[in-house]
Amino acid sequence: MEKQMRKVKTVALIGLGAIGSYIASNLSKVMGDDLRIIAGGSRKERLERDGIVINGEPYHFHVVSPEEETGFADLAVIITKFTGIKEALKDIKNQIGPDTIIMAPLNGVESEEAVAEEYGWDRVIYSLARVSVVMKGNQVSYNPKVAHLEFGEKTNETISERVQAVKDLFESAGIESWIPEDMERAIWIKYMCNVSENQTAAVLGIPFGAWSGVSEHATEIREMVMREVVAVAQKKGIDLSEKDIQNQREVIKRLPYQNKPSTLQDIESGRKTEVDMFAGTMVRLGRETGVPTPLNEFLYHAIHVLEEKNDGII
């Protein structure tokens, strides 16, 4: 008898922010109520009442509270900010069974470790999102032509059954999926971009377009920060180089000029940022590896000052 290929039939997603909305809006079109958005309390009430408008289209998802027992999900997607990952891992507990695949395409380089600490490496696949999303209130917009997810096992010389199952689901939903041979390297490339672009944009108050050939000064600052990430990555045995910095110049040119990195969006909206996970982690890893990170030390303090301004302390 022919073995049946593994399929993902149910998905639980926690973190319906910018990237979460991108994933959910696509999945809902092929999954309906088999896509469960995990949210409780006033957040659940607000999502059920107001929904979310994504690229001009209103969505009302199937919202499930953390306490509900719906049966285990085939796939769990954790896409909160890194500061909320511990709470999210608890809130999604009722969705996690022995065969649940878990992916956490958060910013940063330590989300897989956080998930594995709670649920074990045997459930985790590595992942990241490459989407430039703008979110204001319950309004979300992104360009689908420059949006994709990257995921897989730590190395992917061959594609595992569970990675193929996730790829089949995402592609059926219109989510472009890449499976890099080296997922650790892919995550560090994304981290290099986030550490440089999110933080320098937040301090300078500039959109992505400033780096598309408009300002040599903005580009120089961004790439100086990137080189600190490359130096730390190389010390940790991650294959990053100057070539990856040059490649990002072309990637940025394809992003909408006016779009802003999420840290600048957070500052402008009065929200707390992910600076501890960006500069904070970089400074810690720099000390651990013996690599100086003076630009990240500056950015760490500068962005906290901007948060203090928002809080009325300054």
Foldseek 3Di string as FASTA:
>chain_A
DDDDFDAFQAEEEEACDFVVVVQVVLLCVVRPQSYEYEDDDPVLVCCQVPNAQEANRGDRYHYDYLPDQPDAGQEYEYEHEPVCLVVVLSSVVSRDDPNHAYEYQYQFQCSLVVNCVSVNNVRYKYKHWFWQWDDDDRYIYTDQVRTAMEIAHQAPPDGDSSNVNVCVSCVVSVHHYHYHRHRSLVSLLRLLQCLLQLLLCQLVVAALLCLQPVDPVSLVSSVVQSVLSVVLCVLVVHPDDVVSSVVVNVSSNPGDRRGGPVNNVCLVVLHDGSLCRRLVVSCVSCVVSVHDNVVSVVSSVSSVVSNCVSVVVD
